[in-house]
């Protein structure tokens, strides 16, 4: 990326980091409330987001045309990350539903 030193923030990353931190704060509440299955599913969501963010930072530091969005430069990785995040979010929701409404699970 022309004009940007390695390690400097890339536009859009501050927003992504803030969103990830919000998920982390929500995860702390899940840890307090439990049960363990819900906390484990929440941890999987947070892990996938953290990994995705780290990949974006690493890929953003690669040399190349900074005008081309990361999702286009690394399309397969981007799509795989979305799939992992989506599956983990669905697993989290599936773990939470019976806890929120135990009668519905019967």
PDB file of N, CA and C in Angstrom:
ATOM      1  N   UNK A   1       0.849  -1.166   0.000  1.00  0.00           N
ATOM      2  CA  UNK A   1       0.000   0.000   0.000  1.00  0.00           C
ATOM      3  C   UNK A   1       0.893   1.227   0.000  1.00  0.00           C
ATOM      4  N   UNK A   2       0.790   1.956  -1.033  1.00  0.00           N
ATOM      5  CA  UNK A   2       1.647   3.122  -1.184  1.00  0.00           C
ATOM      6  C   UNK A   2       1.381   4.131  -0.090  1.00  0.00           C
ATOM      7  N   UNK A   3       2.472   4.665   0.474  1.00  0.00           N
ATOM      8  CA  UNK A   3       2.336   5.720   1.467  1.00  0.00           C
ATOM      9  C   UNK A   3       2.000   5.239   2.867  1.00  0.00           C
ATOM     10  N   UNK A   4       1.871   3.942   3.067  1.00  0.00           N
ATOM     11  CA  UNK A   4       1.522   3.424   4.384  1.00  0.00           C
ATOM     12  C   UNK A   4       2.673   2.569   4.876  1.00  0.00           C
ATOM     13  N   UNK A   5       3.122   2.848   6.083  1.00  0.00           N
ATOM     14  CA  UNK A   5       4.189   2.050   6.678  1.00  0.00           C
ATOM     15  C   UNK A   5       3.614   0.765   7.258  1.00  0.00           C
ATOM     16  N   UNK A   6       4.422  -0.253   7.238  1.00  0.00           N
ATOM     17  CA  UNK A   6       4.028  -1.556   7.792  1.00  0.00           C
ATOM     18  C   UNK A   6       3.578  -1.393   9.241  1.00  0.00           C
ATOM     19  N   UNK A   7       2.452  -2.004   9.578  1.00  0.00           N
ATOM     20  CA  UNK A   7       1.944  -1.955  10.940  1.00  0.00           C
ATOM     21  C   UNK A   7       1.006  -0.792  11.225  1.00  0.00           C
ATOM     22  N   UNK A   8       0.920   0.177  10.309  1.00  0.00           N
ATOM     23  CA  UNK A   8      -0.019   1.287  10.513  1.00  0.00           C
ATOM     24  C   UNK A   8      -1.434   0.793  10.247  1.00  0.00           C
ATOM     25  N   UNK A   9      -2.419   1.376  10.914  1.00  0.00           N
ATOM     26  CA  UNK A   9      -3.798   0.956  10.680  1.00  0.00           C
ATOM     27  C   UNK A   9      -4.234   1.185   9.236  1.00  0.00           C
ATOM     28  N   UNK A  10      -5.008   0.262   8.746  1.00  0.00           N
ATOM     29  CA  UNK A  10      -5.588   0.364   7.412  1.00  0.00           C
ATOM     30  C   UNK A  10      -7.017   0.851   7.591  1.00  0.00           C
ATOM     31  N   UNK A  11      -7.485   1.737   6.717  1.00  0.00           N
ATOM     32  CA  UNK A  11      -8.875   2.198   6.868  1.00  0.00           C
ATOM     33  C   UNK A  11      -9.842   1.024   6.984  1.00  0.00           C
ATOM     34  N   UNK A  12     -10.746   1.118   7.943  1.00  0.00           N
ATOM     35  CA  UNK A  12     -11.730   0.066   8.174  1.00  0.00           C
ATOM     36  C   UNK A  12     -11.351  -0.883   9.292  1.00  0.00           C
ATOM     37  N   UNK A  13     -10.080  -0.955   9.646  1.00  0.00           N
ATOM     38  CA  UNK A  13      -9.652  -1.889  10.677  1.00  0.00           C
ATOM     39  C   UNK A  13     -10.057  -1.433  12.066  1.00  0.00           C
ATOM     40  N   UNK A  14     -10.058  -0.133  12.305  1.00  0.00           N
ATOM     41  CA  UNK A  14     -10.483   0.342  13.624  1.00  0.00           C
ATOM     42  C   UNK A  14     -11.927  -0.058  13.894  1.00  0.00           C
ATOM     43  N   UNK A  15     -12.778   0.038  12.880  1.00  0.00           N
ATOM     44  CA  UNK A  15     -14.176  -0.352  13.034  1.00  0.00           C
ATOM     45  C   UNK A  15     -14.291  -1.854  13.275  1.00  0.00           C
ATOM     46  N   UNK A  16     -13.497  -2.633  12.544  1.00  0.00           N
ATOM     47  CA  UNK A  16     -13.528  -4.091  12.731  1.00  0.00           C
ATOM     48  C   UNK A  16     -13.050  -4.458  14.131  1.00  0.00           C
ATOM     49  N   UNK A  17     -12.017  -3.774  14.598  1.00  0.00           N
ATOM     50  CA  UNK A  17     -11.508  -4.065  15.939  1.00  0.00           C
ATOM     51  C   UNK A  17     -12.549  -3.699  16.992  1.00  0.00           C
ATOM     52  N   UNK A  18     -13.210  -2.566  16.831  1.00  0.00           N
ATOM     53  CA  UNK A  18     -14.239  -2.151  17.789  1.00  0.00           C
ATOM     54  C   UNK A  18     -15.381  -3.168  17.825  1.00  0.00           C
ATOM     55  N   UNK A  19     -15.763  -3.671  16.672  1.00  0.00           N
ATOM     56  CA  UNK A  19     -16.831  -4.673  16.618  1.00  0.00           C
ATOM     57  C   UNK A  19     -16.392  -5.965  17.298  1.00  0.00           C
ATOM     58  N   UNK A  20     -15.141  -6.357  17.064  1.00  0.00           N
ATOM     59  CA  UNK A  20     -14.630  -7.569  17.690  1.00  0.00           C
ATOM     60  C   UNK A  20     -14.578  -7.409  19.209  1.00  0.00           C
ATOM     61  N   UNK A  21     -14.187  -6.255  19.683  1.00  0.00           N
ATOM     62  CA  UNK A  21     -14.156  -5.995  21.124  1.00  0.00           C
ATOM     63  C   UNK A  21     -15.562  -6.049  21.716  1.00  0.00           C
ATOM     64  N   UNK A  22     -16.555  -5.574  20.982  1.00  0.00           N
ATOM     65  CA  UNK A  22     -17.937  -5.640  21.461  1.00  0.00           C
ATOM     66  C   UNK A  22     -18.368  -7.104  21.621  1.00  0.00           C
ATOM     67  N   UNK A  23     -17.983  -7.952  20.681  1.00  0.00           N
ATOM     68  CA  UNK A  23     -18.297  -9.381  20.788  1.00  0.00           C
ATOM     69  C   UNK A  23     -17.574  -9.973  21.996  1.00  0.00           C
ATOM     70  N   UNK A  24     -16.344  -9.552  22.227  1.00  0.00           N
ATOM     71  CA  UNK A  24     -15.579 -10.033  23.375  1.00  0.00           C
ATOM     72  C   UNK A  24     -16.270  -9.657  24.685  1.00  0.00           C
ATOM     73  N   UNK A  25     -16.773  -8.444  24.769  1.00  0.00           N
ATOM     74  CA  UNK A  25     -17.492  -8.011  25.973  1.00  0.00           C
ATOM     75  C   UNK A  25     -18.770  -8.836  26.167  1.00  0.00           C
ATOM     76  N   UNK A  26     -19.482  -9.092  25.083  1.00  0.00           N
ATOM     77  CA  UNK A  26     -20.686  -9.920  25.171  1.00  0.00           C
ATOM     78  C   UNK A  26     -20.322 -11.340  25.611  1.00  0.00           C
ATOM     79  N   UNK A  27     -19.206 -11.834  25.118  1.00  0.00           N
ATOM     80  CA  UNK A  27     -18.749 -13.173  25.502  1.00  0.00           C
ATOM     81  C   UNK A  27     -18.483 -13.246  27.010  1.00  0.00           C
ATOM     82  N   UNK A  28     -17.958 -12.174  27.592  1.00  0.00           N
ATOM     83  CA  UNK A  28     -17.743 -12.155  29.043  1.00  0.00           C
ATOM     84  C   UNK A  28     -19.051 -12.369  29.794  1.00  0.00           C
ATOM     85  N   UNK A  29     -20.122 -11.807  29.305  1.00  0.00           N
ATOM     86  CA  UNK A  29     -21.438 -12.008  29.921  1.00  0.00           C
ATOM     87  C   UNK A  29     -21.902 -13.450  29.765  1.00  0.00           C
ATOM     88  N   UNK A  30     -21.645 -14.023  28.604  1.00  0.00           N
ATOM     89  CA  UNK A  30     -22.000 -15.425  28.368  1.00  0.00           C
ATOM     90  C   UNK A  30     -21.241 -16.322  29.343  1.00  0.00           C
ATOM     91  N   UNK A  31     -19.968 -16.017  29.575  1.00  0.00           N
ATOM     92  CA  UNK A  31     -19.188 -16.794  30.536  1.00  0.00           C
ATOM     93  C   UNK A  31     -19.796 -16.737  31.934  1.00  0.00           C
ATOM     94  N   UNK A  32     -20.277 -15.565  32.314  1.00  0.00           N
ATOM     95  CA  UNK A  32     -20.875 -15.415  33.641  1.00  0.00           C
ATOM     96  C   UNK A  32     -22.190 -16.178  33.772  1.00  0.00           C
ATOM     97  N   UNK A  33     -22.987 -16.132  32.726  1.00  0.00           N
ATOM     98  CA  UNK A  33     -24.317 -16.740  32.773  1.00  0.00           C
ATOM     99  C   UNK A  33     -24.306 -18.237  32.498  1.00  0.00           C
ATOM    100  N   UNK A  34     -23.406 -18.679  31.598  1.00  0.00           N
ATOM    101  CA  UNK A  34     -23.369 -20.095  31.241  1.00  0.00           C
ATOM    102  C   UNK A  34     -24.596 -20.523  30.473  1.00  0.00           C
ATOM    103  N   UNK A  35     -24.855 -21.766  30.399  1.00  0.00           N
ATOM    104  CA  UNK A  35     -24.090 -22.916  30.865  1.00  0.00           C
ATOM    105  C   UNK A  35     -22.850 -23.156  29.997  1.00  0.00           C
ATOM    106  N   UNK A  36     -22.104 -24.196  30.327  1.00  0.00           N
ATOM    107  CA  UNK A  36     -20.821 -24.466  29.672  1.00  0.00           C
ATOM    108  C   UNK A  36     -20.955 -24.640  28.159  1.00  0.00           C
ATOM    109  N   UNK A  37     -22.037 -25.280  27.706  1.00  0.00           N
ATOM    110  CA  UNK A  37     -22.208 -25.502  26.262  1.00  0.00           C
ATOM    111  C   UNK A  37     -22.351 -24.173  25.524  1.00  0.00           C
ATOM    112  N   UNK A  38     -23.049 -23.237  26.125  1.00  0.00           N
ATOM    113  CA  UNK A  38     -23.244 -21.923  25.518  1.00  0.00           C
ATOM    114  C   UNK A  38     -21.931 -21.155  25.521  1.00  0.00           C
ATOM    115  N   UNK A  39     -21.196 -21.230  26.631  1.00  0.00           N
ATOM    116  CA  UNK A  39     -19.904 -20.551  26.706  1.00  0.00           C
ATOM    117  C   UNK A  39     -18.933 -21.105  25.661  1.00  0.00           C
ATOM    118  N   UNK A  40     -18.927 -22.417  25.471  1.00  0.00           N
ATOM    119  CA  UNK A  40     -18.041 -23.030  24.476  1.00  0.00           C
ATOM    120  C   UNK A  40     -18.413 -22.578  23.062  1.00  0.00           C
ATOM    121  N   UNK A  41     -19.696 -22.511  22.767  1.00  0.00           N
ATOM    122  CA  UNK A  41     -20.137 -22.049  21.448  1.00  0.00           C
ATOM    123  C   UNK A  41     -19.790 -20.571  21.259  1.00  0.00           C
ATOM    124  N   UNK A  42     -19.918 -19.774  22.300  1.00  0.00           N
ATOM    125  CA  UNK A  42     -19.544 -18.364  22.239  1.00  0.00           C
ATOM    126  C   UNK A  42     -18.056 -18.189  22.028  1.00  0.00           C
ATOM    127  N   UNK A  43     -17.263 -19.016  22.686  1.00  0.00           N
ATOM    128  CA  UNK A  43     -15.804 -18.968  22.521  1.00  0.00           C
ATOM    129  C   UNK A  43     -15.424 -19.291  21.075  1.00  0.00           C
ATOM    130  N   UNK A  44     -16.122 -20.235  20.463  1.00  0.00           N
ATOM    131  CA  UNK A  44     -15.839 -20.594  19.066  1.00  0.00           C
ATOM    132  C   UNK A  44     -16.132 -19.415  18.134  1.00  0.00           C
ATOM    133  N   UNK A  45     -17.207 -18.687  18.403  1.00  0.00           N
ATOM    134  CA  UNK A  45     -17.525 -17.498  17.594  1.00  0.00           C
ATOM    135  C   UNK A  45     -16.426 -16.460  17.752  1.00  0.00           C
ATOM    136  N   UNK A  46     -16.052 -16.170  18.982  1.00  0.00           N
ATOM    137  CA  UNK A  46     -15.023 -15.168  19.239  1.00  0.00           C
ATOM    138  C   UNK A  46     -13.689 -15.578  18.615  1.00  0.00           C
ATOM    139  N   UNK A  47     -13.343 -16.853  18.704  1.00  0.00           N
ATOM    140  CA  UNK A  47     -12.098 -17.340  18.105  1.00  0.00           C
ATOM    141  C   UNK A  47     -12.098 -17.138  16.598  1.00  0.00           C
ATOM    142  N   UNK A  48     -13.213 -17.427  15.938  1.00  0.00           N
ATOM    143  CA  UNK A  48     -13.258 -17.257  14.487  1.00  0.00           C
ATOM    144  C   UNK A  48     -13.133 -15.781  14.105  1.00  0.00           C
ATOM    145  N   UNK A  49     -13.753 -14.901  14.875  1.00  0.00           N
ATOM    146  CA  UNK A  49     -13.632 -13.474  14.594  1.00  0.00           C
ATOM    147  C   UNK A  49     -12.205 -12.979  14.810  1.00  0.00           C
ATOM    148  N   UNK A  50     -11.579 -13.430  15.871  1.00  0.00           N
ATOM    149  CA  UNK A  50     -10.201 -13.028  16.157  1.00  0.00           C
ATOM    150  C   UNK A  50      -9.256 -13.505  15.058  1.00  0.00           C
ATOM    151  N   UNK A  51      -9.434 -14.733  14.611  1.00  0.00           N
ATOM    152  CA  UNK A  51      -8.616 -15.283  13.533  1.00  0.00           C
ATOM    153  C   UNK A  51      -8.829 -14.511  12.240  1.00  0.00           C
ATOM    154  N   UNK A  52     -10.091 -14.222  11.944  1.00  0.00           N
ATOM    155  CA  UNK A  52     -10.412 -13.479  10.730  1.00  0.00           C
ATOM    156  C   UNK A  52      -9.773 -12.085  10.762  1.00  0.00           C
ATOM    157  N   UNK A  53      -9.849 -11.422  11.897  1.00  0.00           N
ATOM    158  CA  UNK A  53      -9.259 -10.094  12.038  1.00  0.00           C
ATOM    159  C   UNK A  53      -7.736 -10.160  11.880  1.00  0.00           C
ATOM    160  N   UNK A  54      -7.109 -11.145  12.501  1.00  0.00           N
ATOM    161  CA  UNK A  54      -5.650 -11.287  12.390  1.00  0.00           C
ATOM    162  C   UNK A  54      -5.233 -11.537  10.943  1.00  0.00           C
ATOM    163  N   UNK A  55      -5.993 -12.367  10.234  1.00  0.00           N
ATOM    164  CA  UNK A  55      -5.711 -12.605   8.817  1.00  0.00           C
ATOM    165  C   UNK A  55      -5.825 -11.314   8.019  1.00  0.00           C
ATOM    166  N   UNK A  56      -6.860 -10.537   8.286  1.00  0.00           N
ATOM    167  CA  UNK A  56      -7.037  -9.275   7.560  1.00  0.00           C
ATOM    168  C   UNK A  56      -5.861  -8.348   7.805  1.00  0.00           C
ATOM    169  N   UNK A  57      -5.405  -8.268   9.039  1.00  0.00           N
ATOM    170  CA  UNK A  57      -4.257  -7.413   9.347  1.00  0.00           C
ATOM    171  C   UNK A  57      -3.009  -7.904   8.605  1.00  0.00           C
ATOM    172  N   UNK A  58      -2.788  -9.209   8.635  1.00  0.00           N
ATOM    173  CA  UNK A  58      -1.609  -9.781   7.981  1.00  0.00           C
ATOM    174  C   UNK A  58      -1.680  -9.565   6.471  1.00  0.00           C
ATOM    175  N   UNK A  59      -2.826  -9.840   5.882  1.00  0.00           N
ATOM    176  CA  UNK A  59      -2.974  -9.666   4.441  1.00  0.00           C
ATOM    177  C   UNK A  59      -2.886  -8.188   4.051  1.00  0.00           C
ATOM    178  N   UNK A  60      -3.349  -7.311   4.912  1.00  0.00           N
ATOM    179  CA  UNK A  60      -3.281  -5.874   4.640  1.00  0.00           C
ATOM    180  C   UNK A  60      -1.859  -5.358   4.627  1.00  0.00           C
ATOM    181  N   UNK A  61      -0.964  -6.056   5.323  1.00  0.00           N
ATOM    182  CA  UNK A  61       0.441  -5.661   5.365  1.00  0.00           C
ATOM    183  C   UNK A  61       1.243  -6.221   4.195  1.00  0.00           C
ATOM    184  N   UNK A  62       0.631  -7.100   3.403  1.00  0.00           N
ATOM    185  CA  UNK A  62       1.348  -7.659   2.259  1.00  0.00           C
ATOM    186  C   UNK A  62       1.569  -6.598   1.195  1.00  0.00           C
ATOM    187  N   UNK A  63       2.680  -6.709   0.474  1.00  0.00           N
ATOM    188  CA  UNK A  63       2.872  -5.778  -0.638  1.00  0.00           C
ATOM    189  C   UNK A  63       1.843  -6.069  -1.728  1.00  0.00           C
ATOM    190  N   UNK A  64       1.502  -5.079  -2.459  1.00  0.00           N
ATOM    191  CA  UNK A  64       0.548  -5.263  -3.544  1.00  0.00           C
ATOM    192  C   UNK A  64      -0.292  -4.023  -3.743  1.00  0.00           C
ATOM    193  N   UNK A  65      -1.278  -4.159  -4.566  1.00  0.00           N
ATOM    194  CA  UNK A  65      -2.145  -3.035  -4.919  1.00  0.00           C
ATOM    195  C   UNK A  65      -3.144  -2.792  -3.795  1.00  0.00           C
ATOM    196  N   UNK A  66      -2.906  -1.747  -3.011  1.00  0.00           N
ATOM    197  CA  UNK A  66      -3.777  -1.419  -1.896  1.00  0.00           C
ATOM    198  C   UNK A  66      -5.147  -0.921  -2.311  1.00  0.00           C
ATOM    199  N   UNK A  67      -5.306  -0.639  -3.580  1.00  0.00           N
ATOM    200  CA  UNK A  67      -6.623  -0.175  -4.056  1.00  0.00           C
ATOM    201  C   UNK A  67      -7.592  -1.335  -4.256  1.00  0.00           C
ATOM    202  N   UNK A  68      -7.053  -2.554  -4.356  1.00  0.00           N
ATOM    203  CA  UNK A  68      -7.894  -3.747  -4.533  1.00  0.00           C
ATOM    204  C   UNK A  68      -8.272  -4.249  -3.144  1.00  0.00           C
ATOM    205  N   UNK A  69      -9.574  -4.335  -2.838  1.00  0.00           N
ATOM    206  CA  UNK A  69      -9.999  -4.793  -1.502  1.00  0.00           C
ATOM    207  C   UNK A  69      -9.452  -6.185  -1.168  1.00  0.00           C
ATOM    208  N   UNK A  70      -9.181  -6.398   0.121  1.00  0.00           N
ATOM    209  CA  UNK A  70      -8.675  -7.701   0.563  1.00  0.00           C
ATOM    210  C   UNK A  70      -9.592  -8.835   0.131  1.00  0.00           C
ATOM    211  N   UNK A  71     -10.891  -8.604   0.166  1.00  0.00           N
ATOM    212  CA  UNK A  71     -11.824  -9.684  -0.191  1.00  0.00           C
ATOM    213  C   UNK A  71     -11.656 -10.108  -1.641  1.00  0.00           C
ATOM    214  N   UNK A  72     -11.133  -9.214  -2.475  1.00  0.00           N
ATOM    215  CA  UNK A  72     -10.886  -9.577  -3.870  1.00  0.00           C
ATOM    216  C   UNK A  72      -9.498 -10.186  -4.052  1.00  0.00           C
ATOM    217  N   UNK A  73      -8.525  -9.697  -3.293  1.00  0.00           N
ATOM    218  CA  UNK A  73      -7.164 -10.232  -3.401  1.00  0.00           C
ATOM    219  C   UNK A  73      -7.064 -11.632  -2.803  1.00  0.00           C
ATOM    220  N   UNK A  74      -7.866 -11.921  -1.810  1.00  0.00           N
ATOM    221  CA  UNK A  74      -7.816 -13.213  -1.107  1.00  0.00           C
ATOM    222  C   UNK A  74      -9.234 -13.785  -1.030  1.00  0.00           C
ATOM    223  N   UNK A  75      -9.880 -13.893  -2.158  1.00  0.00           N
ATOM    224  CA  UNK A  75     -11.296 -14.256  -2.206  1.00  0.00           C
ATOM    225  C   UNK A  75     -11.594 -15.599  -1.537  1.00  0.00           C
ATOM    226  N   UNK A  76     -10.796 -16.617  -1.827  1.00  0.00           N
ATOM    227  CA  UNK A  76     -11.068 -17.939  -1.248  1.00  0.00           C
ATOM    228  C   UNK A  76     -10.945 -17.913   0.269  1.00  0.00           C
ATOM    229  N   UNK A  77      -9.922 -17.251   0.796  1.00  0.00           N
ATOM    230  CA  UNK A  77      -9.750 -17.131   2.243  1.00  0.00           C
ATOM    231  C   UNK A  77     -10.908 -16.367   2.855  1.00  0.00           C
ATOM    232  N   UNK A  78     -11.326 -15.294   2.183  1.00  0.00           N
ATOM    233  CA  UNK A  78     -12.416 -14.451   2.672  1.00  0.00           C
ATOM    234  C   UNK A  78     -13.711 -15.264   2.756  1.00  0.00           C
ATOM    235  N   UNK A  79     -14.018 -16.004   1.703  1.00  0.00           N
ATOM    236  CA  UNK A  79     -15.240 -16.815   1.690  1.00  0.00           C
ATOM    237  C   UNK A  79     -15.184 -17.921   2.747  1.00  0.00           C
ATOM    238  N   UNK A  80     -14.013 -18.530   2.924  1.00  0.00           N
ATOM    239  CA  UNK A  80     -13.859 -19.577   3.946  1.00  0.00           C
ATOM    240  C   UNK A  80     -14.065 -18.995   5.341  1.00  0.00           C
ATOM    241  N   UNK A  81     -13.533 -17.805   5.592  1.00  0.00           N
ATOM    242  CA  UNK A  81     -13.694 -17.171   6.907  1.00  0.00           C
ATOM    243  C   UNK A  81     -15.159 -16.856   7.183  1.00  0.00           C
ATOM    244  N   UNK A  82     -15.870 -16.392   6.179  1.00  0.00           N
ATOM    245  CA  UNK A  82     -17.294 -16.107   6.343  1.00  0.00           C
ATOM    246  C   UNK A  82     -18.058 -17.397   6.657  1.00  0.00           C
ATOM    247  N   UNK A  83     -17.700 -18.469   5.967  1.00  0.00           N
ATOM    248  CA  UNK A  83     -18.380 -19.748   6.213  1.00  0.00           C
ATOM    249  C   UNK A  83     -18.140 -20.236   7.639  1.00  0.00           C
ATOM    250  N   UNK A  84     -16.896 -20.150   8.110  1.00  0.00           N
ATOM    251  CA  UNK A  84     -16.578 -20.571   9.478  1.00  0.00           C
ATOM    252  C   UNK A  84     -17.352 -19.723  10.473  1.00  0.00           C
ATOM    253  N   UNK A  85     -17.322 -18.400  10.273  1.00  0.00           N
ATOM    254  CA  UNK A  85     -18.024 -17.496  11.191  1.00  0.00           C
ATOM    255  C   UNK A  85     -19.521 -17.785  11.211  1.00  0.00           C
ATOM    256  N   UNK A  86     -20.103 -18.019  10.056  1.00  0.00           N
ATOM    257  CA  UNK A  86     -21.542 -18.298   9.972  1.00  0.00           C
ATOM    258  C   UNK A  86     -21.894 -19.608  10.682  1.00  0.00           C
ATOM    259  N   UNK A  87     -21.111 -20.648  10.446  1.00  0.00           N
ATOM    260  CA  UNK A  87     -21.379 -21.940  11.093  1.00  0.00           C
ATOM    261  C   UNK A  87     -21.264 -21.835  12.611  1.00  0.00           C
ATOM    262  N   UNK A  88     -20.276 -21.104  13.064  1.00  0.00           N
ATOM    263  CA  UNK A  88     -20.098 -20.965  14.516  1.00  0.00           C
ATOM    264  C   UNK A  88     -21.210 -20.124  15.130  1.00  0.00           C
ATOM    265  N   UNK A  89     -21.667 -19.124  14.417  1.00  0.00           N
ATOM    266  CA  UNK A  89     -22.781 -18.313  14.924  1.00  0.00           C
ATOM    267  C   UNK A  89     -24.049 -19.166  15.009  1.00  0.00           C
ATOM    268  N   UNK A  90     -24.306 -19.979  14.012  1.00  0.00           N
ATOM    269  CA  UNK A  90     -25.480 -20.860  14.022  1.00  0.00           C
ATOM    270  C   UNK A  90     -25.381 -21.841  15.192  1.00  0.00           C
ATOM    271  N   UNK A  91     -24.189 -22.402  15.413  1.00  0.00           N
ATOM    272  CA  UNK A  91     -24.002 -23.317  16.544  1.00  0.00           C
ATOM    273  C   UNK A  91     -24.257 -22.616  17.867  1.00  0.00           C
ATOM    274  N   UNK A  92     -23.832 -21.356  17.966  1.00  0.00           N
ATOM    275  CA  UNK A  92     -24.068 -20.580  19.181  1.00  0.00           C
ATOM    276  C   UNK A  92     -25.562 -20.391  19.403  1.00  0.00           C
ATOM    277  N   UNK A  93     -26.270 -19.992  18.370  1.00  0.00           N
ATOM    278  CA  UNK A  93     -27.719 -19.779  18.492  1.00  0.00           C
ATOM    279  C   UNK A  93     -28.406 -21.094  18.864  1.00  0.00           C
ATOM    280  N   UNK A  94     -27.983 -22.189  18.242  1.00  0.00           N
ATOM    281  CA  UNK A  94     -28.572 -23.500  18.566  1.00  0.00           C
ATOM    282  C   UNK A  94     -28.313 -23.883  20.026  1.00  0.00           C
ATOM    283  N   UNK A  95     -27.167 -23.500  20.578  1.00  0.00           N
ATOM    284  CA  UNK A  95     -26.857 -23.805  21.981  1.00  0.00           C
ATOM    285  C   UNK A  95     -27.648 -22.908  22.928  1.00  0.00           C
ATOM    286  N   UNK A  96     -27.910 -21.679  22.519  1.00  0.00           N
ATOM    287  CA  UNK A  96     -28.591 -20.715  23.388  1.00  0.00           C
ATOM    288  C   UNK A  96     -30.098 -20.942  23.440  1.00  0.00           C
ATOM    289  N   UNK A  97     -30.711 -21.310  22.340  1.00  0.00           N
ATOM    290  CA  UNK A  97     -32.183 -21.418  22.286  1.00  0.00           C
ATOM    291  C   UNK A  97     -32.772 -22.266  23.408  1.00  0.00           C
ATOM    292  N   UNK A  98     -32.286 -23.486  23.618  1.00  0.00           N
ATOM    293  CA  UNK A  98     -32.894 -24.292  24.681  1.00  0.00           C
ATOM    294  C   UNK A  98     -32.682 -23.709  26.082  1.00  0.00           C
ATOM    295  N   UNK A  99     -31.636 -22.928  26.250  1.00  0.00           N
ATOM    296  CA  UNK A  99     -31.387 -22.303  27.558  1.00  0.00           C
ATOM    297  C   UNK A  99     -32.374 -21.162  27.783  1.00  0.00           C
ATOM    298  N   UNK A 100     -32.632 -20.401  26.745  1.00  0.00           N
ATOM    299  CA  UNK A 100     -33.549 -19.263  26.856  1.00  0.00           C
ATOM    300  C   UNK A 100     -35.004 -19.708  26.980  1.00  0.00           C
ATOM    301  N   UNK A 101     -35.343 -20.815  26.317  1.00  0.00           N
ATOM    302  CA  UNK A 101     -36.724 -21.295  26.348  1.00  0.00           C
ATOM    303  C   UNK A 101     -36.708 -22.812  26.495  1.00  0.00           C
ATOM    304  N   UNK A 102     -36.515 -23.315  27.717  1.00  0.00           N
ATOM    305  CA  UNK A 102     -36.415 -24.763  27.919  1.00  0.00           C
ATOM    306  C   UNK A 102     -37.671 -25.517  27.488  1.00  0.00           C
ATOM    307  N   UNK A 103     -38.844 -24.883  27.560  1.00  0.00           N
ATOM    308  CA  UNK A 103     -40.079 -25.562  27.182  1.00  0.00           C
ATOM    309  C   UNK A 103     -40.143 -25.828  25.686  1.00  0.00           C
ATOM    310  N   UNK A 104     -39.518 -24.989  24.889  1.00  0.00           N
ATOM    311  CA  UNK A 104     -39.544 -25.153  23.436  1.00  0.00           C
ATOM    312  C   UNK A 104     -38.725 -26.365  22.992  1.00  0.00           C
ATOM    313  N   UNK A 105     -37.752 -26.764  23.798  1.00  0.00           N
ATOM    314  CA  UNK A 105     -36.884 -27.882  23.441  1.00  0.00           C
ATOM    315  C   UNK A 105     -37.558 -29.236  23.633  1.00  0.00           C
ATOM    316  N   UNK A 106     -38.682 -29.261  24.332  1.00  0.00           N
ATOM    317  CA  UNK A 106     -39.357 -30.530  24.629  1.00  0.00           C
ATOM    318  C   UNK A 106     -40.262 -30.951  23.533  1.00  0.00           C
TER     319      UNK A 106
END
